[in-house]
Amino acid sequence: MTFETALGRYRLLERKGISMLDPISIYREARKSNPVLDLAFAVAGLAAIASIIIGFVGSGKLAIISISLLFIAMLLFLVISYAINKKNSIFTILGNVVIICTALFFITLLFASAGALLIGKPCYWAKFLELEADCGDPITFEDNSVCGAWVTAYSGGRGEPNPGCPDGNATACVNTNGSIVQGSAYYEIKGRTERTSIKIGAINNKAVCYNLNAHTGACEIRVSITARACAVERISKSSPI
């Protein structure tokens, strides 16, 4: 480019009221000649905001989510602008609805992210963002062996009909305020003679029972069994906040 050509262009810009020393005037003229410049500045602004976010929160999930939401917000802004500029009232109403819903979503997300960053709550959102979470005390459990009362079943002996003494039946149970660990039920026997039996009875997550039985044909001799039901109970020591 020759000096005369450059001087001619400079004078042409001056006649249009554009000063080479005024960056605002140069920017306005560039926008008129090339509208895509606005998109370029938007991309540059997005990159600048992304770098600021990464500088504050690092390059973890929070930064990725923040930048993604920012990009989605820009796309929504373009769609909403197109819808509102339409003369059709339906598009205008839809655009307003999208604006309100988007605003509520981003405000909620903003408060949740700020709380996660500052105080670690909401707990699960803070965990997802890989921040220090305040979830209260974790749920812990304690297992203990518990047993019910000793129970005796007998048949025959002094005071019983002879012949024809009836079978002796009894039920030994154990109850818990927590929950019975599956497969942990057992029984303890304190004393037992021949012709007696013990079998599992009712069982659920709160109680276990055993059925005791004593039977004899020689009613002059007492047969008996003394036992109790036991199990491992599981109790939660704390609850989540």
C-alpha atoms as a PDB file:
ATOM      1  CA  MET A   1       0.000   0.000   0.000  1.00  0.00           C
ATOM      2  CA  THR A   2       1.410   3.341  -1.027  1.00  0.00           C
ATOM      3  CA  PHE A   3       1.471   6.411   1.148  1.00  0.00           C
ATOM      4  CA  GLU A   4      -1.038   8.164  -1.104  1.00  0.00           C
ATOM      5  CA  THR A   5      -3.515   5.265  -0.788  1.00  0.00           C
ATOM      6  CA  ALA A   6      -3.247   5.192   2.995  1.00  0.00           C
ATOM      7  CA  LEU A   7      -3.661   8.956   3.173  1.00  0.00           C
ATOM      8  CA  GLY A   8      -6.739   8.746   0.966  1.00  0.00           C
ATOM      9  CA  ARG A   9      -8.374   6.165   3.216  1.00  0.00           C
ATOM     10  CA  TYR A  10      -7.571   8.206   6.293  1.00  0.00           C
ATOM     11  CA  ARG A  11      -9.242  11.293   4.807  1.00  0.00           C
ATOM     12  CA  LEU A  12     -12.266   9.202   3.781  1.00  0.00           C
ATOM     13  CA  LEU A  13     -12.686   8.024   7.383  1.00  0.00           C
ATOM     14  CA  GLU A  14     -12.380  11.584   8.630  1.00  0.00           C
ATOM     15  CA  ARG A  15     -15.168  12.706   6.314  1.00  0.00           C
ATOM     16  CA  LYS A  16     -17.365   9.970   7.825  1.00  0.00           C
ATOM     17  CA  GLY A  17     -16.621  11.306  11.289  1.00  0.00           C
ATOM     18  CA  ILE A  18     -14.343   8.426  12.262  1.00  0.00           C
ATOM     19  CA  SER A  19     -11.094   9.243  13.998  1.00  0.00           C
ATOM     20  CA  MET A  20      -8.172   6.838  13.755  1.00  0.00           C
ATOM     21  CA  LEU A  21      -7.443   7.641  17.380  1.00  0.00           C
ATOM     22  CA  ASP A  22     -10.973   6.780  18.564  1.00  0.00           C
ATOM     23  CA  PRO A  23     -11.343   2.991  19.102  1.00  0.00           C
ATOM     24  CA  ILE A  24     -15.105   3.269  19.711  1.00  0.00           C
ATOM     25  CA  SER A  25     -15.650   4.794  16.279  1.00  0.00           C
ATOM     26  CA  ILE A  26     -13.503   2.140  14.659  1.00  0.00           C
ATOM     27  CA  TYR A  27     -15.486  -0.603  16.431  1.00  0.00           C
ATOM     28  CA  ARG A  28     -18.834   0.831  15.341  1.00  0.00           C
ATOM     29  CA  GLU A  29     -17.701   1.076  11.733  1.00  0.00           C
ATOM     30  CA  ALA A  30     -16.389  -2.496  11.847  1.00  0.00           C
ATOM     31  CA  ARG A  31     -19.761  -3.749  13.134  1.00  0.00           C
ATOM     32  CA  LYS A  32     -21.581  -2.067  10.302  1.00  0.00           C
ATOM     33  CA  SER A  33     -19.331  -3.571   7.682  1.00  0.00           C
ATOM     34  CA  ASN A  34     -19.206  -7.051   9.234  1.00  0.00           C
ATOM     35  CA  PRO A  35     -22.051  -8.122  11.646  1.00  0.00           C
ATOM     36  CA  VAL A  36     -20.235 -11.390  12.412  1.00  0.00           C
ATOM     37  CA  LEU A  37     -17.892  -9.304  14.534  1.00  0.00           C
ATOM     38  CA  ASP A  38     -20.495  -9.331  17.318  1.00  0.00           C
ATOM     39  CA  LEU A  39     -20.297 -13.140  17.466  1.00  0.00           C
ATOM     40  CA  ALA A  40     -16.508 -12.955  17.585  1.00  0.00           C
ATOM     41  CA  PHE A  41     -16.655 -10.595  20.561  1.00  0.00           C
ATOM     42  CA  ALA A  42     -19.191 -12.886  22.249  1.00  0.00           C
ATOM     43  CA  VAL A  43     -16.842 -15.856  21.855  1.00  0.00           C
ATOM     44  CA  ALA A  44     -13.955 -13.793  23.201  1.00  0.00           C
ATOM     45  CA  GLY A  45     -16.079 -12.709  26.160  1.00  0.00           C
ATOM     46  CA  LEU A  46     -17.095 -16.304  26.852  1.00  0.00           C
ATOM     47  CA  ALA A  47     -13.447 -17.365  26.810  1.00  0.00           C
ATOM     48  CA  ALA A  48     -12.571 -14.546  29.220  1.00  0.00           C
ATOM     49  CA  ILE A  49     -15.372 -15.518  31.615  1.00  0.00           C
ATOM     50  CA  ALA A  50     -14.325 -19.171  31.395  1.00  0.00           C
ATOM     51  CA  SER A  51     -10.760 -18.279  32.330  1.00  0.00           C
ATOM     52  CA  ILE A  52     -12.033 -16.262  35.319  1.00  0.00           C
ATOM     53  CA  ILE A  53     -14.190 -19.199  36.482  1.00  0.00           C
ATOM     54  CA  ILE A  54     -11.279 -21.625  36.185  1.00  0.00           C
ATOM     55  CA  GLY A  55      -9.109 -19.163  38.096  1.00  0.00           C
ATOM     56  CA  PHE A  56     -11.569 -19.108  40.992  1.00  0.00           C
ATOM     57  CA  VAL A  57     -12.727 -22.738  41.212  1.00  0.00           C
ATOM     58  CA  GLY A  58     -10.071 -24.674  39.285  1.00  0.00           C
ATOM     59  CA  SER A  59     -10.629 -27.014  36.385  1.00  0.00           C
ATOM     60  CA  GLY A  60     -12.909 -29.522  38.104  1.00  0.00           C
ATOM     61  CA  LYS A  61     -16.587 -30.306  37.678  1.00  0.00           C
ATOM     62  CA  LEU A  62     -17.714 -26.905  38.951  1.00  0.00           C
ATOM     63  CA  ALA A  63     -15.753 -25.098  36.250  1.00  0.00           C
ATOM     64  CA  ILE A  64     -17.027 -27.417  33.500  1.00  0.00           C
ATOM     65  CA  ILE A  65     -20.625 -27.072  34.659  1.00  0.00           C
ATOM     66  CA  SER A  66     -20.354 -23.285  34.989  1.00  0.00           C
ATOM     67  CA  ILE A  67     -18.904 -22.860  31.494  1.00  0.00           C
ATOM     68  CA  SER A  68     -21.465 -25.252  29.995  1.00  0.00           C
ATOM     69  CA  LEU A  69     -24.336 -23.404  31.640  1.00  0.00           C
ATOM     70  CA  LEU A  70     -22.928 -20.115  30.422  1.00  0.00           C
ATOM     71  CA  PHE A  71     -22.800 -21.436  26.862  1.00  0.00           C
ATOM     72  CA  ILE A  72     -26.367 -22.773  27.151  1.00  0.00           C
ATOM     73  CA  ALA A  73     -27.494 -19.394  28.482  1.00  0.00           C
ATOM     74  CA  MET A  74     -26.035 -17.673  25.406  1.00  0.00           C
ATOM     75  CA  LEU A  75     -27.874 -20.071  23.096  1.00  0.00           C
ATOM     76  CA  LEU A  76     -31.110 -19.516  25.017  1.00  0.00           C
ATOM     77  CA  PHE A  77     -30.586 -15.769  24.749  1.00  0.00           C
ATOM     78  CA  LEU A  78     -30.348 -16.026  20.957  1.00  0.00           C
ATOM     79  CA  VAL A  79     -33.450 -18.246  20.736  1.00  0.00           C
ATOM     80  CA  ILE A  80     -35.444 -16.031  23.085  1.00  0.00           C
ATOM     81  CA  SER A  81     -34.422 -12.892  21.209  1.00  0.00           C
ATOM     82  CA  TYR A  82     -35.608 -14.455  17.951  1.00  0.00           C
ATOM     83  CA  ALA A  83     -38.915 -15.514  19.527  1.00  0.00           C
ATOM     84  CA  ILE A  84     -39.644 -12.135  21.113  1.00  0.00           C
ATOM     85  CA  ASN A  85     -38.887 -10.226  17.915  1.00  0.00           C
ATOM     86  CA  LYS A  86     -41.524 -12.239  16.087  1.00  0.00           C
ATOM     87  CA  LYS A  87     -44.843 -10.439  15.597  1.00  0.00           C
ATOM     88  CA  ASN A  88     -46.778 -13.586  16.327  1.00  0.00           C
ATOM     89  CA  SER A  89     -48.032 -13.345  19.921  1.00  0.00           C
ATOM     90  CA  ILE A  90     -47.619 -17.098  20.494  1.00  0.00           C
ATOM     91  CA  PHE A  91     -43.860 -16.839  20.012  1.00  0.00           C
ATOM     92  CA  THR A  92     -43.783 -13.836  22.319  1.00  0.00           C
ATOM     93  CA  ILE A  93     -45.627 -15.729  25.081  1.00  0.00           C
ATOM     94  CA  LEU A  94     -43.397 -18.777  24.670  1.00  0.00           C
ATOM     95  CA  GLY A  95     -40.337 -16.566  24.775  1.00  0.00           C
ATOM     96  CA  ASN A  96     -41.494 -14.968  28.033  1.00  0.00           C
ATOM     97  CA  VAL A  97     -42.234 -18.377  29.565  1.00  0.00           C
ATOM     98  CA  VAL A  98     -38.768 -19.617  28.613  1.00  0.00           C
ATOM     99  CA  ILE A  99     -37.234 -16.467  30.101  1.00  0.00           C
ATOM    100  CA  ILE A 100     -39.015 -16.961  33.443  1.00  0.00           C
ATOM    101  CA  CYS A 101     -38.238 -20.687  33.664  1.00  0.00           C
ATOM    102  CA  THR A 102     -34.618 -20.145  32.692  1.00  0.00           C
ATOM    103  CA  ALA A 103     -34.233 -17.329  35.201  1.00  0.00           C
ATOM    104  CA  LEU A 104     -35.688 -19.445  38.021  1.00  0.00           C
ATOM    105  CA  PHE A 105     -33.464 -22.388  37.102  1.00  0.00           C
ATOM    106  CA  PHE A 106     -30.290 -20.336  37.015  1.00  0.00           C
ATOM    107  CA  ILE A 107     -31.145 -18.492  40.243  1.00  0.00           C
ATOM    108  CA  THR A 108     -31.735 -21.823  42.028  1.00  0.00           C
ATOM    109  CA  LEU A 109     -28.554 -23.264  40.592  1.00  0.00           C
ATOM    110  CA  LEU A 110     -26.639 -20.144  41.540  1.00  0.00           C
ATOM    111  CA  PHE A 111     -27.742 -20.284  45.173  1.00  0.00           C
ATOM    112  CA  ALA A 112     -27.100 -24.042  45.361  1.00  0.00           C
ATOM    113  CA  SER A 113     -23.601 -23.653  43.900  1.00  0.00           C
ATOM    114  CA  ALA A 114     -22.825 -20.698  46.164  1.00  0.00           C
ATOM    115  CA  GLY A 115     -23.972 -22.663  49.207  1.00  0.00           C
ATOM    116  CA  ALA A 116     -21.919 -25.679  48.148  1.00  0.00           C
ATOM    117  CA  LEU A 117     -18.849 -23.502  47.680  1.00  0.00           C
ATOM    118  CA  LEU A 118     -19.208 -21.474  50.906  1.00  0.00           C
ATOM    119  CA  ILE A 119     -20.765 -23.818  53.498  1.00  0.00           C
ATOM    120  CA  GLY A 120     -20.771 -27.246  51.839  1.00  0.00           C
ATOM    121  CA  LYS A 121     -24.562 -27.436  51.486  1.00  0.00           C
ATOM    122  CA  PRO A 122     -26.644 -28.813  49.813  1.00  0.00           C
ATOM    123  CA  CYS A 123     -24.600 -31.853  50.724  1.00  0.00           C
ATOM    124  CA  TYR A 124     -25.074 -33.969  47.602  1.00  0.00           C
ATOM    125  CA  TRP A 125     -24.578 -31.029  45.222  1.00  0.00           C
ATOM    126  CA  ALA A 126     -21.333 -30.165  47.001  1.00  0.00           C
ATOM    127  CA  LYS A 127     -20.211 -33.782  46.669  1.00  0.00           C
ATOM    128  CA  PHE A 128     -21.053 -33.772  42.970  1.00  0.00           C
ATOM    129  CA  LEU A 129     -19.003 -30.621  42.477  1.00  0.00           C
ATOM    130  CA  GLU A 130     -16.131 -32.292  44.383  1.00  0.00           C
ATOM    131  CA  LEU A 131     -16.203 -29.630  47.088  1.00  0.00           C
ATOM    132  CA  GLU A 132     -15.985 -30.041  50.833  1.00  0.00           C
ATOM    133  CA  ALA A 133     -19.487 -31.193  51.802  1.00  0.00           C
ATOM    134  CA  ASP A 134     -21.246 -30.735  55.130  1.00  0.00           C
ATOM    135  CA  CYS A 135     -23.560 -33.756  55.251  1.00  0.00           C
ATOM    136  CA  GLY A 136     -23.806 -34.085  59.000  1.00  0.00           C
ATOM    137  CA  ASP A 137     -22.798 -37.286  60.708  1.00  0.00           C
ATOM    138  CA  PRO A 138     -22.780 -40.313  58.396  1.00  0.00           C
ATOM    139  CA  ILE A 139     -25.103 -43.182  59.164  1.00  0.00           C
ATOM    140  CA  THR A 140     -23.280 -45.724  61.302  1.00  0.00           C
ATOM    141  CA  PHE A 141     -24.554 -49.021  62.610  1.00  0.00           C
ATOM    142  CA  GLU A 142     -23.786 -51.084  65.676  1.00  0.00           C
ATOM    143  CA  ASP A 143     -24.353 -54.833  65.818  1.00  0.00           C
ATOM    144  CA  ASN A 144     -25.038 -56.507  69.156  1.00  0.00           C
ATOM    145  CA  SER A 145     -26.095 -59.982  70.243  1.00  0.00           C
ATOM    146  CA  VAL A 146     -29.384 -59.925  72.125  1.00  0.00           C
ATOM    147  CA  CYS A 147     -31.301 -62.740  73.799  1.00  0.00           C
ATOM    148  CA  GLY A 148     -34.800 -63.165  75.184  1.00  0.00           C
ATOM    149  CA  ALA A 149     -35.873 -64.652  78.485  1.00  0.00           C
ATOM    150  CA  TRP A 150     -35.288 -68.272  79.425  1.00  0.00           C
ATOM    151  CA  VAL A 151     -38.357 -70.413  78.695  1.00  0.00           C
ATOM    152  CA  THR A 152     -39.084 -73.980  79.813  1.00  0.00           C
ATOM    153  CA  ALA A 153     -41.294 -76.615  78.234  1.00  0.00           C
ATOM    154  CA  TYR A 154     -41.934 -79.833  80.213  1.00  0.00           C
ATOM    155  CA  SER A 155     -44.088 -82.925  80.303  1.00  0.00           C
ATOM    156  CA  GLY A 156     -44.732 -85.579  83.003  1.00  0.00           C
ATOM    157  CA  GLY A 157     -43.431 -85.686  86.504  1.00  0.00           C
ATOM    158  CA  ARG A 158     -45.040 -84.999  89.894  1.00  0.00           C
ATOM    159  CA  GLY A 159     -48.467 -83.407  89.642  1.00  0.00           C
ATOM    160  CA  GLU A 160     -49.023 -84.451  86.026  1.00  0.00           C
ATOM    161  CA  PRO A 161     -51.679 -86.976  84.929  1.00  0.00           C
ATOM    162  CA  ASN A 162     -50.368 -90.516  84.737  1.00  0.00           C
ATOM    163  CA  PRO A 163     -51.012 -91.983  82.294  1.00  0.00           C
ATOM    164  CA  GLY A 164     -52.005 -89.396  79.678  1.00  0.00           C
ATOM    165  CA  CYS A 165     -49.728 -86.488  80.540  1.00  0.00           C
ATOM    166  CA  PRO A 166     -49.930 -83.845  77.796  1.00  0.00           C
ATOM    167  CA  ASP A 167     -47.074 -82.533  75.715  1.00  0.00           C
ATOM    168  CA  GLY A 168     -45.390 -79.440  77.007  1.00  0.00           C
ATOM    169  CA  ASN A 169     -45.053 -76.537  74.528  1.00  0.00           C
ATOM    170  CA  ALA A 170     -43.542 -73.120  74.950  1.00  0.00           C
ATOM    171  CA  THR A 171     -42.291 -70.283  72.748  1.00  0.00           C
ATOM    172  CA  ALA A 172     -39.028 -68.458  73.328  1.00  0.00           C
ATOM    173  CA  CYS A 173     -38.726 -65.083  71.568  1.00  0.00           C
ATOM    174  CA  VAL A 174     -36.341 -62.163  71.319  1.00  0.00           C
ATOM    175  CA  ASN A 175     -37.400 -58.677  70.182  1.00  0.00           C
ATOM    176  CA  THR A 176     -35.321 -55.700  69.142  1.00  0.00           C
ATOM    177  CA  ASN A 177     -35.800 -51.952  68.652  1.00  0.00           C
ATOM    178  CA  GLY A 178     -33.418 -52.065  65.703  1.00  0.00           C
ATOM    179  CA  SER A 179     -33.497 -54.776  63.075  1.00  0.00           C
ATOM    180  CA  ILE A 180     -32.524 -58.425  63.090  1.00  0.00           C
ATOM    181  CA  VAL A 181     -29.515 -59.179  60.908  1.00  0.00           C
ATOM    182  CA  GLN A 182     -30.592 -61.745  58.353  1.00  0.00           C
ATOM    183  CA  GLY A 183     -29.366 -65.249  59.138  1.00  0.00           C
ATOM    184  CA  SER A 184     -28.168 -64.312  62.641  1.00  0.00           C
ATOM    185  CA  ALA A 185     -30.877 -66.093  64.675  1.00  0.00           C
ATOM    186  CA  TYR A 186     -29.744 -68.797  67.084  1.00  0.00           C
ATOM    187  CA  TYR A 187     -30.766 -70.323  70.412  1.00  0.00           C
ATOM    188  CA  GLU A 188     -29.093 -71.173  73.688  1.00  0.00           C
ATOM    189  CA  ILE A 189     -30.039 -74.189  75.795  1.00  0.00           C
ATOM    190  CA  LYS A 190     -29.710 -74.066  79.567  1.00  0.00           C
ATOM    191  CA  GLY A 191     -30.931 -77.595  80.258  1.00  0.00           C
ATOM    192  CA  ARG A 192     -32.389 -80.431  78.246  1.00  0.00           C
ATOM    193  CA  THR A 193     -33.493 -84.040  78.701  1.00  0.00           C
ATOM    194  CA  GLU A 194     -34.428 -86.695  76.197  1.00  0.00           C
ATOM    195  CA  ARG A 195     -37.682 -86.488  74.207  1.00  0.00           C
ATOM    196  CA  THR A 196     -37.496 -82.722  73.749  1.00  0.00           C
ATOM    197  CA  SER A 197     -37.103 -80.595  70.669  1.00  0.00           C
ATOM    198  CA  ILE A 198     -36.603 -76.982  69.575  1.00  0.00           C
ATOM    199  CA  LYS A 199     -37.533 -75.603  66.155  1.00  0.00           C
ATOM    200  CA  ILE A 200     -37.497 -72.199  64.543  1.00  0.00           C
ATOM    201  CA  GLY A 201     -40.846 -70.445  64.647  1.00  0.00           C
ATOM    202  CA  ALA A 202     -41.905 -66.945  63.645  1.00  0.00           C
ATOM    203  CA  ILE A 203     -39.143 -64.700  62.365  1.00  0.00           C
ATOM    204  CA  ASN A 204     -39.079 -61.177  60.905  1.00  0.00           C
ATOM    205  CA  ASN A 205     -36.816 -58.131  60.996  1.00  0.00           C
ATOM    206  CA  LYS A 206     -37.983 -57.248  64.516  1.00  0.00           C
ATOM    207  CA  ALA A 207     -38.310 -60.577  66.310  1.00  0.00           C
ATOM    208  CA  VAL A 208     -37.220 -64.221  66.308  1.00  0.00           C
ATOM    209  CA  CYS A 209     -39.089 -67.049  68.018  1.00  0.00           C
ATOM    210  CA  TYR A 210     -38.352 -70.726  68.672  1.00  0.00           C
ATOM    211  CA  ASN A 211     -40.925 -73.397  69.517  1.00  0.00           C
ATOM    212  CA  LEU A 212     -40.008 -75.730  72.380  1.00  0.00           C
ATOM    213  CA  ASN A 213     -41.640 -79.146  72.848  1.00  0.00           C
ATOM    214  CA  ALA A 214     -41.418 -81.889  75.493  1.00  0.00           C
ATOM    215  CA  HIS A 215     -43.156 -85.293  75.117  1.00  0.00           C
ATOM    216  CA  THR A 216     -43.074 -88.459  77.201  1.00  0.00           C
ATOM    217  CA  GLY A 217     -45.003 -91.700  77.523  1.00  0.00           C
ATOM    218  CA  ALA A 218     -43.605 -92.402  80.986  1.00  0.00           C
ATOM    219  CA  CYS A 219     -45.487 -89.699  82.783  1.00  0.00           C
ATOM    220  CA  GLU A 220     -43.914 -90.438  86.172  1.00  0.00           C
ATOM    221  CA  ILE A 221     -40.623 -88.997  84.882  1.00  0.00           C
ATOM    222  CA  ARG A 222     -40.468 -85.348  83.883  1.00  0.00           C
ATOM    223  CA  VAL A 223     -38.791 -84.374  80.625  1.00  0.00           C
ATOM    224  CA  SER A 224     -38.017 -80.729  79.945  1.00  0.00           C
ATOM    225  CA  ILE A 225     -36.074 -78.241  77.896  1.00  0.00           C
ATOM    226  CA  THR A 226     -35.053 -74.727  78.923  1.00  0.00           C
ATOM    227  CA  ALA A 227     -33.852 -72.417  76.174  1.00  0.00           C
ATOM    228  CA  ARG A 228     -33.918 -68.848  74.923  1.00  0.00           C
ATOM    229  CA  ALA A 229     -33.923 -67.194  71.509  1.00  0.00           C
ATOM    230  CA  CYS A 230     -31.021 -64.982  70.441  1.00  0.00           C
ATOM    231  CA  ALA A 231     -30.038 -62.952  67.387  1.00  0.00           C
ATOM    232  CA  VAL A 232     -27.792 -60.128  66.246  1.00  0.00           C
ATOM    233  CA  GLU A 233     -29.558 -56.774  66.186  1.00  0.00           C
ATOM    234  CA  ARG A 234     -28.420 -53.803  64.117  1.00  0.00           C
ATOM    235  CA  ILE A 235     -29.058 -50.292  65.446  1.00  0.00           C
ATOM    236  CA  SER A 236     -28.318 -47.041  63.624  1.00  0.00           C
ATOM    237  CA  LYS A 237     -26.211 -44.736  65.766  1.00  0.00           C
ATOM    238  CA  SER A 238     -26.846 -41.472  63.910  1.00  0.00           C
ATOM    239  CA  SER A 239     -29.004 -40.003  61.175  1.00  0.00           C
ATOM    240  CA  PRO A 240     -28.062 -37.825  58.199  1.00  0.00           C
ATOM    241  CA  ILE A 241     -28.689 -34.099  58.388  1.00  0.00           C
END
